[in-house]
PDB file of N, CA and C in Angstrom:
ATOM      1  N   MET A   1      15.321 -21.949 -17.634  1.00  0.00           N
ATOM      2  CA  MET A   1      15.641 -20.514 -17.431  1.00  0.00           C
ATOM      3  C   MET A   1      16.523 -20.368 -16.260  1.00  0.00           C
ATOM      4  N   SER A   2      17.588 -19.674 -16.498  1.00  0.00           N
ATOM      5  CA  SER A   2      18.551 -19.463 -15.317  1.00  0.00           C
ATOM      6  C   SER A   2      18.055 -18.485 -14.389  1.00  0.00           C
ATOM      7  N   LYS A   3      18.570 -18.363 -13.173  1.00  0.00           N
ATOM      8  CA  LYS A   3      18.170 -17.473 -12.195  1.00  0.00           C
ATOM      9  C   LYS A   3      18.509 -15.984 -12.567  1.00  0.00           C
ATOM     10  N   HIS A   4      19.456 -15.857 -13.453  1.00  0.00           N
ATOM     11  CA  HIS A   4      19.865 -14.518 -13.818  1.00  0.00           C
ATOM     12  C   HIS A   4      18.956 -13.912 -14.894  1.00  0.00           C
ATOM     13  N   SER A   5      18.222 -14.748 -15.594  1.00  0.00           N
ATOM     14  CA  SER A   5      17.398 -14.208 -16.644  1.00  0.00           C
ATOM     15  C   SER A   5      16.018 -13.749 -16.166  1.00  0.00           C
ATOM     16  N   LYS A   6      15.700 -14.043 -14.922  1.00  0.00           N
ATOM     17  CA  LYS A   6      14.425 -13.620 -14.412  1.00  0.00           C
ATOM     18  C   LYS A   6      14.350 -12.076 -14.207  1.00  0.00           C
ATOM     19  N   ALA A   7      13.181 -11.570 -14.240  1.00  0.00           N
ATOM     20  CA  ALA A   7      13.076 -10.131 -14.011  1.00  0.00           C
ATOM     21  C   ALA A   7      13.520  -9.796 -12.596  1.00  0.00           C
ATOM     22  N   SER A   8      14.243  -8.819 -12.525  1.00  0.00           N
ATOM     23  CA  SER A   8      14.760  -8.347 -11.180  1.00  0.00           C
ATOM     24  C   SER A   8      14.046  -7.211 -10.554  1.00  0.00           C
ATOM     25  N   SER A   9      13.962  -7.179  -9.285  1.00  0.00           N
ATOM     26  CA  SER A   9      13.361  -6.022  -8.622  1.00  0.00           C
ATOM     27  C   SER A   9      14.269  -4.881  -8.489  1.00  0.00           C
ATOM     28  N   TYR A  10      15.594  -5.004  -8.816  1.00  0.00           N
ATOM     29  CA  TYR A  10      16.561  -3.982  -8.701  1.00  0.00           C
ATOM     30  C   TYR A  10      16.429  -3.049  -9.867  1.00  0.00           C
ATOM     31  N   PRO A  11      16.596  -1.793  -9.577  1.00  0.00           N
ATOM     32  CA  PRO A  11      16.515  -0.812 -10.717  1.00  0.00           C
ATOM     33  C   PRO A  11      17.707  -0.999 -11.708  1.00  0.00           C
ATOM     34  N   THR A  12      17.535  -0.668 -12.938  1.00  0.00           N
ATOM     35  CA  THR A  12      18.570  -0.883 -13.905  1.00  0.00           C
ATOM     36  C   THR A  12      19.635   0.283 -13.804  1.00  0.00           C
ATOM     37  N   TYR A  13      19.249   1.349 -13.157  1.00  0.00           N
ATOM     38  CA  TYR A  13      20.200   2.395 -12.937  1.00  0.00           C
ATOM     39  C   TYR A  13      19.850   3.161 -11.643  1.00  0.00           C
ATOM     40  N   MET A  14      20.827   3.848 -11.074  1.00  0.00           N
ATOM     41  CA  MET A  14      20.488   4.518  -9.788  1.00  0.00           C
ATOM     42  C   MET A  14      20.685   6.002 -10.067  1.00  0.00           C
ATOM     43  N   LYS A  15      19.685   6.869  -9.679  1.00  0.00           N
ATOM     44  CA  LYS A  15      19.805   8.253  -9.793  1.00  0.00           C
ATOM     45  C   LYS A  15      20.616   8.762  -8.556  1.00  0.00           C
ATOM     46  N   TYR A  16      21.050   9.989  -8.556  1.00  0.00           N
ATOM     47  CA  TYR A  16      21.659  10.522  -7.392  1.00  0.00           C
ATOM     48  C   TYR A  16      20.664  10.668  -6.282  1.00  0.00           C
ATOM     49  N   ARG A  17      21.012  10.235  -5.099  1.00  0.00           N
ATOM     50  CA  ARG A  17      20.143  10.358  -3.887  1.00  0.00           C
ATOM     51  C   ARG A  17      20.916  11.188  -2.868  1.00  0.00           C
ATOM     52  N   ASP A  18      20.128  12.104  -2.246  1.00  0.00           N
ATOM     53  CA  ASP A  18      20.733  12.955  -1.232  1.00  0.00           C
ATOM     54  C   ASP A  18      20.683  12.174   0.066  1.00  0.00           C
ATOM     55  N   ARG A  19      21.289  12.684   1.118  1.00  0.00           N
ATOM     56  CA  ARG A  19      21.440  12.048   2.385  1.00  0.00           C
ATOM     57  C   ARG A  19      20.096  11.771   3.004  1.00  0.00           C
ATOM     58  N   ILE A  20      19.126  12.714   2.888  1.00  0.00           N
ATOM     59  CA  ILE A  20      17.787  12.556   3.408  1.00  0.00           C
ATOM     60  C   ILE A  20      17.034  11.399   2.832  1.00  0.00           C
ATOM     61  N   GLU A  21      17.210  11.274   1.534  1.00  0.00           N
ATOM     62  CA  GLU A  21      16.503  10.175   0.818  1.00  0.00           C
ATOM     63  C   GLU A  21      17.037   8.806   1.293  1.00  0.00           C
ATOM     64  N   ILE A  22      18.339   8.727   1.387  1.00  0.00           N
ATOM     65  CA  ILE A  22      19.014   7.486   1.879  1.00  0.00           C
ATOM     66  C   ILE A  22      18.569   7.181   3.221  1.00  0.00           C
ATOM     67  N   ILE A  23      18.642   8.157   4.175  1.00  0.00           N
ATOM     68  CA  ILE A  23      18.221   7.971   5.548  1.00  0.00           C
ATOM     69  C   ILE A  23      16.773   7.577   5.651  1.00  0.00           C
ATOM     70  N   SER A  24      15.936   8.155   4.830  1.00  0.00           N
ATOM     71  CA  SER A  24      14.479   7.802   4.835  1.00  0.00           C
ATOM     72  C   SER A  24      14.203   6.359   4.433  1.00  0.00           C
ATOM     73  N   VAL A  25      14.989   5.902   3.471  1.00  0.00           N
ATOM     74  CA  VAL A  25      14.832   4.496   3.074  1.00  0.00           C
ATOM     75  C   VAL A  25      15.246   3.595   4.142  1.00  0.00           C
ATOM     76  N   MET A  26      16.385   3.976   4.832  1.00  0.00           N
ATOM     77  CA  MET A  26      16.926   3.131   5.933  1.00  0.00           C
ATOM     78  C   MET A  26      15.974   3.094   7.075  1.00  0.00           C
ATOM     79  N   LEU A  27      15.368   4.247   7.407  1.00  0.00           N
ATOM     80  CA  LEU A  27      14.363   4.234   8.450  1.00  0.00           C
ATOM     81  C   LEU A  27      13.085   3.502   8.135  1.00  0.00           C
ATOM     82  N   ARG A  28      12.648   3.539   6.863  1.00  0.00           N
ATOM     83  CA  ARG A  28      11.462   2.821   6.418  1.00  0.00           C
ATOM     84  C   ARG A  28      11.704   1.264   6.581  1.00  0.00           C
ATOM     85  N   SER A  29      12.947   0.920   6.213  1.00  0.00           N
ATOM     86  CA  SER A  29      13.313  -0.526   6.348  1.00  0.00           C
ATOM     87  C   SER A  29      13.253  -1.001   7.834  1.00  0.00           C
ATOM     88  N   ALA A  30      13.713  -0.178   8.740  1.00  0.00           N
ATOM     89  CA  ALA A  30      13.822  -0.476  10.130  1.00  0.00           C
ATOM     90  C   ALA A  30      12.423  -0.301  10.823  1.00  0.00           C
ATOM     91  N   SER A  31      11.401   0.200  10.100  1.00  0.00           N
ATOM     92  CA  SER A  31      10.122   0.400  10.762  1.00  0.00           C
ATOM     93  C   SER A  31       9.210  -0.814  10.672  1.00  0.00           C
ATOM     94  N   ARG A  32       9.753  -1.899  10.201  1.00  0.00           N
ATOM     95  CA  ARG A  32       9.016  -3.183  10.251  1.00  0.00           C
ATOM     96  C   ARG A  32       8.698  -3.542  11.718  1.00  0.00           C
ATOM     97  N   VAL A  33       7.654  -4.306  11.853  1.00  0.00           N
ATOM     98  CA  VAL A  33       7.328  -4.689  13.264  1.00  0.00           C
ATOM     99  C   VAL A  33       8.433  -5.254  14.111  1.00  0.00           C
ATOM    100  N   ASN A  34       9.235  -6.183  13.550  1.00  0.00           N
ATOM    101  CA  ASN A  34      10.328  -6.729  14.318  1.00  0.00           C
ATOM    102  C   ASN A  34      11.649  -6.059  14.021  1.00  0.00           C
ATOM    103  N   GLY A  35      11.605  -4.878  13.340  1.00  0.00           N
ATOM    104  CA  GLY A  35      12.870  -4.227  12.957  1.00  0.00           C
ATOM    105  C   GLY A  35      13.503  -4.929  11.759  1.00  0.00           C
ATOM    106  N   ALA A  36      14.810  -4.630  11.588  1.00  0.00           N
ATOM    107  CA  ALA A  36      15.501  -5.187  10.431  1.00  0.00           C
ATOM    108  C   ALA A  36      16.958  -5.327  10.782  1.00  0.00           C
ATOM    109  N   CYS A  37      17.605  -6.330  10.261  1.00  0.00           N
ATOM    110  CA  CYS A  37      19.021  -6.494  10.418  1.00  0.00           C
ATOM    111  C   CYS A  37      19.788  -5.592   9.424  1.00  0.00           C
ATOM    112  N   LYS A  38      21.039  -5.355   9.731  1.00  0.00           N
ATOM    113  CA  LYS A  38      21.911  -4.423   8.966  1.00  0.00           C
ATOM    114  C   LYS A  38      21.864  -4.824   7.483  1.00  0.00           C
ATOM    115  N   THR A  39      21.867  -6.132   7.195  1.00  0.00           N
ATOM    116  CA  THR A  39      21.909  -6.633   5.798  1.00  0.00           C
ATOM    117  C   THR A  39      20.672  -6.223   5.040  1.00  0.00           C
ATOM    118  N   ARG A  40      19.484  -6.409   5.731  1.00  0.00           N
ATOM    119  CA  ARG A  40      18.205  -6.073   5.096  1.00  0.00           C
ATOM    120  C   ARG A  40      18.233  -4.582   4.842  1.00  0.00           C
ATOM    121  N   ILE A  41      18.559  -3.803   5.767  1.00  0.00           N
ATOM    122  CA  ILE A  41      18.566  -2.374   5.590  1.00  0.00           C
ATOM    123  C   ILE A  41      19.487  -1.977   4.450  1.00  0.00           C
ATOM    124  N   MET A  42      20.699  -2.594   4.374  1.00  0.00           N
ATOM    125  CA  MET A  42      21.628  -2.303   3.319  1.00  0.00           C
ATOM    126  C   MET A  42      21.057  -2.642   1.988  1.00  0.00           C
ATOM    127  N   HIS A  43      20.398  -3.832   1.810  1.00  0.00           N
ATOM    128  CA  HIS A  43      19.836  -4.254   0.551  1.00  0.00           C
ATOM    129  C   HIS A  43      18.740  -3.413   0.114  1.00  0.00           C
ATOM    130  N   GLU A  44      17.828  -3.080   1.048  1.00  0.00           N
ATOM    131  CA  GLU A  44      16.615  -2.301   0.692  1.00  0.00           C
ATOM    132  C   GLU A  44      16.967  -0.869   0.383  1.00  0.00           C
ATOM    133  N   ALA A  45      18.038  -0.325   1.010  1.00  0.00           N
ATOM    134  CA  ALA A  45      18.413   1.073   0.669  1.00  0.00           C
ATOM    135  C   ALA A  45      19.476   1.101  -0.473  1.00  0.00           C
ATOM    136  N   PHE A  46      19.791  -0.100  -1.037  1.00  0.00           N
ATOM    137  CA  PHE A  46      20.776  -0.143  -2.113  1.00  0.00           C
ATOM    138  C   PHE A  46      22.140   0.620  -1.741  1.00  0.00           C
ATOM    139  N   LEU A  47      22.607   0.195  -0.588  1.00  0.00           N
ATOM    140  CA  LEU A  47      23.918   0.806  -0.080  1.00  0.00           C
ATOM    141  C   LEU A  47      25.065  -0.226  -0.133  1.00  0.00           C
ATOM    142  N   SER A  48      26.194   0.319  -0.344  1.00  0.00           N
ATOM    143  CA  SER A  48      27.361  -0.459  -0.257  1.00  0.00           C
ATOM    144  C   SER A  48      27.754  -0.604   1.239  1.00  0.00           C
ATOM    145  N   LEU A  49      28.669  -1.547   1.565  1.00  0.00           N
ATOM    146  CA  LEU A  49      29.078  -1.714   2.985  1.00  0.00           C
ATOM    147  C   LEU A  49      29.708  -0.440   3.521  1.00  0.00           C
ATOM    148  N   SER A  50      30.494   0.246   2.702  1.00  0.00           N
ATOM    149  CA  SER A  50      31.107   1.496   3.200  1.00  0.00           C
ATOM    150  C   SER A  50      30.085   2.601   3.406  1.00  0.00           C
ATOM    151  N   GLN A  51      29.133   2.627   2.615  1.00  0.00           N
ATOM    152  CA  GLN A  51      27.965   3.620   2.889  1.00  0.00           C
ATOM    153  C   GLN A  51      27.189   3.280   4.110  1.00  0.00           C
ATOM    154  N   LEU A  52      26.948   1.972   4.340  1.00  0.00           N
ATOM    155  CA  LEU A  52      26.269   1.567   5.530  1.00  0.00           C
ATOM    156  C   LEU A  52      27.086   1.935   6.782  1.00  0.00           C
ATOM    157  N   LYS A  53      28.352   1.744   6.707  1.00  0.00           N
ATOM    158  CA  LYS A  53      29.268   2.145   7.834  1.00  0.00           C
ATOM    159  C   LYS A  53      29.205   3.640   8.077  1.00  0.00           C
ATOM    160  N   GLN A  54      29.000   4.407   7.061  1.00  0.00           N
ATOM    161  CA  GLN A  54      28.911   5.853   7.192  1.00  0.00           C
ATOM    162  C   GLN A  54      27.641   6.300   7.775  1.00  0.00           C
ATOM    163  N   TYR A  55      26.526   5.690   7.396  1.00  0.00           N
ATOM    164  CA  TYR A  55      25.178   6.162   7.855  1.00  0.00           C
ATOM    165  C   TYR A  55      24.742   5.571   9.167  1.00  0.00           C
ATOM    166  N   PHE A  56      25.113   4.294   9.537  1.00  0.00           N
ATOM    167  CA  PHE A  56      24.575   3.710  10.629  1.00  0.00           C
ATOM    168  C   PHE A  56      24.961   4.329  11.943  1.00  0.00           C
ATOM    169  N   PRO A  57      26.230   4.772  12.150  1.00  0.00           N
ATOM    170  CA  PRO A  57      26.614   5.493  13.372  1.00  0.00           C
ATOM    171  C   PRO A  57      25.856   6.777  13.493  1.00  0.00           C
ATOM    172  N   LEU A  58      25.603   7.526  12.394  1.00  0.00           N
ATOM    173  CA  LEU A  58      24.889   8.749  12.379  1.00  0.00           C
ATOM    174  C   LEU A  58      23.471   8.487  12.859  1.00  0.00           C
ATOM    175  N   LEU A  59      22.753   7.453  12.381  1.00  0.00           N
ATOM    176  CA  LEU A  59      21.396   7.200  12.797  1.00  0.00           C
ATOM    177  C   LEU A  59      21.321   6.753  14.245  1.00  0.00           C
ATOM    178  N   LEU A  60      22.284   6.001  14.699  1.00  0.00           N
ATOM    179  CA  LEU A  60      22.280   5.553  16.051  1.00  0.00           C
ATOM    180  C   LEU A  60      22.627   6.700  17.039  1.00  0.00           C
ATOM    181  N   ARG A  61      23.642   7.491  16.703  1.00  0.00           N
ATOM    182  CA  ARG A  61      24.104   8.546  17.594  1.00  0.00           C
ATOM    183  C   ARG A  61      22.959   9.620  17.706  1.00  0.00           C
ATOM    184  N   ASN A  62      22.165   9.817  16.655  1.00  0.00           N
ATOM    185  CA  ASN A  62      21.135  10.788  16.721  1.00  0.00           C
ATOM    186  C   ASN A  62      19.811  10.201  17.264  1.00  0.00           C
ATOM    187  N   GLY A  63      19.825   9.055  17.668  1.00  0.00           N
ATOM    188  CA  GLY A  63      18.530   8.444  18.194  1.00  0.00           C
ATOM    189  C   GLY A  63      17.445   8.161  17.231  1.00  0.00           C
ATOM    190  N   LEU A  64      17.839   7.942  15.945  1.00  0.00           N
ATOM    191  CA  LEU A  64      16.850   7.627  15.039  1.00  0.00           C
ATOM    192  C   LEU A  64      16.595   6.081  14.889  1.00  0.00           C
ATOM    193  N   LEU A  65      17.563   5.377  15.255  1.00  0.00           N
ATOM    194  CA  LEU A  65      17.529   3.821  15.266  1.00  0.00           C
ATOM    195  C   LEU A  65      17.990   3.389  16.629  1.00  0.00           C
ATOM    196  N   GLU A  66      17.497   2.195  17.032  1.00  0.00           N
ATOM    197  CA  GLU A  66      17.939   1.625  18.268  1.00  0.00           C
ATOM    198  C   GLU A  66      18.108   0.116  18.031  1.00  0.00           C
ATOM    199  N   TYR A  67      19.058  -0.456  18.773  1.00  0.00           N
ATOM    200  CA  TYR A  67      19.306  -1.954  18.618  1.00  0.00           C
ATOM    201  C   TYR A  67      18.471  -2.642  19.635  1.00  0.00           C
ATOM    202  N   ASP A  68      17.736  -3.689  19.070  1.00  0.00           N
ATOM    203  CA  ASP A  68      16.914  -4.574  19.940  1.00  0.00           C
ATOM    204  C   ASP A  68      17.809  -5.821  20.192  1.00  0.00           C
ATOM    205  N   VAL A  69      18.317  -5.877  21.478  1.00  0.00           N
ATOM    206  CA  VAL A  69      19.219  -7.024  21.832  1.00  0.00           C
ATOM    207  C   VAL A  69      18.525  -8.332  21.752  1.00  0.00           C
ATOM    208  N   VAL A  70      17.247  -8.418  22.172  1.00  0.00           N
ATOM    209  CA  VAL A  70      16.567  -9.705  22.145  1.00  0.00           C
ATOM    210  C   VAL A  70      16.368 -10.199  20.677  1.00  0.00           C
ATOM    211  N   MET A  71      15.795  -9.335  19.822  1.00  0.00           N
ATOM    212  CA  MET A  71      15.520  -9.721  18.416  1.00  0.00           C
ATOM    213  C   MET A  71      16.824  -9.636  17.476  1.00  0.00           C
ATOM    214  N   LYS A  72      17.875  -8.998  18.006  1.00  0.00           N
ATOM    215  CA  LYS A  72      19.108  -8.746  17.258  1.00  0.00           C
ATOM    216  C   LYS A  72      18.840  -7.918  15.890  1.00  0.00           C
ATOM    217  N   THR A  73      17.958  -6.971  16.062  1.00  0.00           N
ATOM    218  CA  THR A  73      17.590  -6.140  14.948  1.00  0.00           C
ATOM    219  C   THR A  73      17.614  -4.699  15.309  1.00  0.00           C
ATOM    220  N   TYR A  74      17.529  -3.882  14.317  1.00  0.00           N
ATOM    221  CA  TYR A  74      17.517  -2.409  14.507  1.00  0.00           C
ATOM    222  C   TYR A  74      16.097  -1.922  14.281  1.00  0.00           C
ATOM    223  N   LYS A  75      15.627  -1.053  15.140  1.00  0.00           N
ATOM    224  CA  LYS A  75      14.227  -0.597  15.061  1.00  0.00           C
ATOM    225  C   LYS A  75      14.247   0.955  15.034  1.00  0.00           C
ATOM    226  N   ILE A  76      13.233   1.457  14.326  1.00  0.00           N
ATOM    227  CA  ILE A  76      13.048   2.921  14.259  1.00  0.00           C
ATOM    228  C   ILE A  76      12.623   3.419  15.650  1.00  0.00           C
ATOM    229  N   THR A  77      13.057   4.562  16.087  1.00  0.00           N
ATOM    230  CA  THR A  77      12.622   5.171  17.249  1.00  0.00           C
ATOM    231  C   THR A  77      11.528   6.196  17.039  1.00  0.00           C
ATOM    232  N   VAL A  78      10.927   6.679  18.083  1.00  0.00           N
ATOM    233  CA  VAL A  78       9.871   7.736  17.905  1.00  0.00           C
ATOM    234  C   VAL A  78      10.421   8.936  17.102  1.00  0.00           C
ATOM    235  N   LYS A  79      11.588   9.286  17.429  1.00  0.00           N
ATOM    236  CA  LYS A  79      12.291  10.368  16.804  1.00  0.00           C
ATOM    237  C   LYS A  79      12.574  10.095  15.307  1.00  0.00           C
ATOM    238  N   GLY A  80      12.934   8.857  15.026  1.00  0.00           N
ATOM    239  CA  GLY A  80      13.127   8.380  13.661  1.00  0.00           C
ATOM    240  C   GLY A  80      11.863   8.372  12.840  1.00  0.00           C
ATOM    241  N   SER A  81      10.766   7.936  13.516  1.00  0.00           N
ATOM    242  CA  SER A  81       9.385   7.905  12.915  1.00  0.00           C
ATOM    243  C   SER A  81       8.945   9.352  12.530  1.00  0.00           C
ATOM    244  N   HIS A  82       9.219  10.277  13.423  1.00  0.00           N
ATOM    245  CA  HIS A  82       8.851  11.702  13.148  1.00  0.00           C
ATOM    246  C   HIS A  82       9.657  12.213  11.982  1.00  0.00           C
ATOM    247  N   LEU A  83      10.922  11.921  11.903  1.00  0.00           N
ATOM    248  CA  LEU A  83      11.738  12.412  10.746  1.00  0.00           C
ATOM    249  C   LEU A  83      11.235  11.801   9.488  1.00  0.00           C
ATOM    250  N   LEU A  84      10.900  10.487   9.510  1.00  0.00           N
ATOM    251  CA  LEU A  84      10.419   9.780   8.303  1.00  0.00           C
ATOM    252  C   LEU A  84       9.087  10.389   7.907  1.00  0.00           C
ATOM    253  N   GLU A  85       8.228  10.717   8.745  1.00  0.00           N
ATOM    254  CA  GLU A  85       6.932  11.388   8.431  1.00  0.00           C
ATOM    255  C   GLU A  85       7.181  12.750   7.790  1.00  0.00           C
ATOM    256  N   LEU A  86       8.062  13.507   8.363  1.00  0.00           N
ATOM    257  CA  LEU A  86       8.404  14.819   7.821  1.00  0.00           C
ATOM    258  C   LEU A  86       9.049  14.674   6.400  1.00  0.00           C
ATOM    259  N   SER A  87       9.859  13.703   6.211  1.00  0.00           N
ATOM    260  CA  SER A  87      10.517  13.486   4.906  1.00  0.00           C
ATOM    261  C   SER A  87       9.502  13.151   3.887  1.00  0.00           C
ATOM    262  N   VAL A  88       8.547  12.239   4.259  1.00  0.00           N
ATOM    263  CA  VAL A  88       7.543  11.886   3.272  1.00  0.00           C
ATOM    264  C   VAL A  88       6.591  13.073   2.942  1.00  0.00           C
ATOM    265  N   SER A  89       6.209  13.856   3.947  1.00  0.00           N
ATOM    266  CA  SER A  89       5.421  15.065   3.714  1.00  0.00           C
ATOM    267  C   SER A  89       6.154  16.037   2.775  1.00  0.00           C
ATOM    268  N   PHE A  90       7.418  16.244   3.020  1.00  0.00           N
ATOM    269  CA  PHE A  90       8.221  17.177   2.229  1.00  0.00           C
ATOM    270  C   PHE A  90       8.280  16.686   0.796  1.00  0.00           C
ATOM    271  N   SER A  91       8.517  15.376   0.647  1.00  0.00           N
ATOM    272  CA  SER A  91       8.631  14.826  -0.659  1.00  0.00           C
ATOM    273  C   SER A  91       7.263  14.997  -1.487  1.00  0.00           C
ATOM    274  N   HIS A  92       6.157  14.819  -0.790  1.00  0.00           N
ATOM    275  CA  HIS A  92       4.885  15.009  -1.441  1.00  0.00           C
ATOM    276  C   HIS A  92       4.699  16.429  -1.880  1.00  0.00           C
ATOM    277  N   MET A  93       5.128  17.351  -0.981  1.00  0.00           N
ATOM    278  CA  MET A  93       5.013  18.793  -1.365  1.00  0.00           C
ATOM    279  C   MET A  93       5.793  19.197  -2.521  1.00  0.00           C
ATOM    280  N   ILE A  94       7.000  18.631  -2.592  1.00  0.00           N
ATOM    281  CA  ILE A  94       7.871  18.993  -3.777  1.00  0.00           C
ATOM    282  C   ILE A  94       7.337  18.293  -5.009  1.00  0.00           C
ATOM    283  N   ASP A  95       6.799  17.072  -4.986  1.00  0.00           N
ATOM    284  CA  ASP A  95       6.291  16.430  -6.115  1.00  0.00           C
ATOM    285  C   ASP A  95       4.987  17.161  -6.646  1.00  0.00           C
ATOM    286  N   THR A  96       4.153  17.671  -5.711  1.00  0.00           N
ATOM    287  CA  THR A  96       2.965  18.471  -6.002  1.00  0.00           C
ATOM    288  C   THR A  96       3.401  19.713  -6.709  1.00  0.00           C
ATOM    289  N   ASN A  97       4.365  20.420  -6.173  1.00  0.00           N
ATOM    290  CA  ASN A  97       4.833  21.679  -6.799  1.00  0.00           C
ATOM    291  C   ASN A  97       5.442  21.451  -8.191  1.00  0.00           C
ATOM    292  N   ARG A  98       6.093  20.371  -8.330  1.00  0.00           N
ATOM    293  CA  ARG A  98       6.682  20.031  -9.644  1.00  0.00           C
ATOM    294  C   ARG A  98       5.722  19.749 -10.666  1.00  0.00           C
ATOM    295  N   GLN A  99       4.588  19.062 -10.315  1.00  0.00           N
ATOM    296  CA  GLN A  99       3.507  18.771 -11.215  1.00  0.00           C
ATOM    297  C   GLN A  99       2.749  20.081 -11.631  1.00  0.00           C
ATOM    298  N   GLU A 100       2.538  21.014 -10.643  1.00  0.00           N
ATOM    299  CA  GLU A 100       1.866  22.224 -10.897  1.00  0.00           C
ATOM    300  C   GLU A 100       2.683  23.137 -11.807  1.00  0.00           C
ATOM    301  N   ASN A 101       3.957  23.105 -11.777  1.00  0.00           N
ATOM    302  CA  ASN A 101       4.778  23.973 -12.554  1.00  0.00           C
ATOM    303  C   ASN A 101       5.188  23.376 -13.946  1.00  0.00           C
ATOM    304  N   THR A 102       4.617  22.163 -14.249  1.00  0.00           N
ATOM    305  CA  THR A 102       4.910  21.529 -15.572  1.00  0.00           C
ATOM    306  C   THR A 102       3.939  22.162 -16.640  1.00  0.00           C
ATOM    307  N   ILE A 103       4.545  22.504 -17.714  1.00  0.00           N
ATOM    308  CA  ILE A 103       3.742  23.028 -18.854  1.00  0.00           C
ATOM    309  C   ILE A 103       3.329  21.833 -19.701  1.00  0.00           C
ATOM    310  N   LYS A 104       2.082  21.748 -20.063  1.00  0.00           N
ATOM    311  CA  LYS A 104       1.608  20.630 -20.898  1.00  0.00           C
ATOM    312  C   LYS A 104       1.376  21.207 -22.322  1.00  0.00           C
ATOM    313  N   ILE A 105       1.964  20.581 -23.239  1.00  0.00           N
ATOM    314  CA  ILE A 105       1.767  20.986 -24.667  1.00  0.00           C
ATOM    315  C   ILE A 105       0.978  19.929 -25.359  1.00  0.00           C
ATOM    316  N   GLN A 106      -0.105  20.308 -25.948  1.00  0.00           N
ATOM    317  CA  GLN A 106      -0.922  19.376 -26.734  1.00  0.00           C
ATOM    318  C   GLN A 106      -0.478  19.434 -28.197  1.00  0.00           C
ATOM    319  N   VAL A 107      -0.455  18.361 -28.806  1.00  0.00           N
ATOM    320  CA  VAL A 107      -0.044  18.284 -30.206  1.00  0.00           C
ATOM    321  C   VAL A 107      -1.199  17.849 -31.083  1.00  0.00           C
TER     322      VAL A 107
END
């Protein structure tokens, strides 16, 4: 069996993601105990290099990520953790509202 025929963890298609969703995935990736390198963040967030170059300065400039010189990784800041928590809460609220507004038809 070749390595290409194995089941992949990558999605078969990508839906449109807004900026907050992309930023949330990047922050979640950097929230590991030792942080994460740019490549790991890029892969976990399914970003191209050009997208990474667009988002990274934004996160650093706004104090959501910081660079750990010793570990050579990026770590989430307290401000970034707070934004991630708000994003998760907001996402849960929207999903709950979406489920409540769904009409179920029994056949």
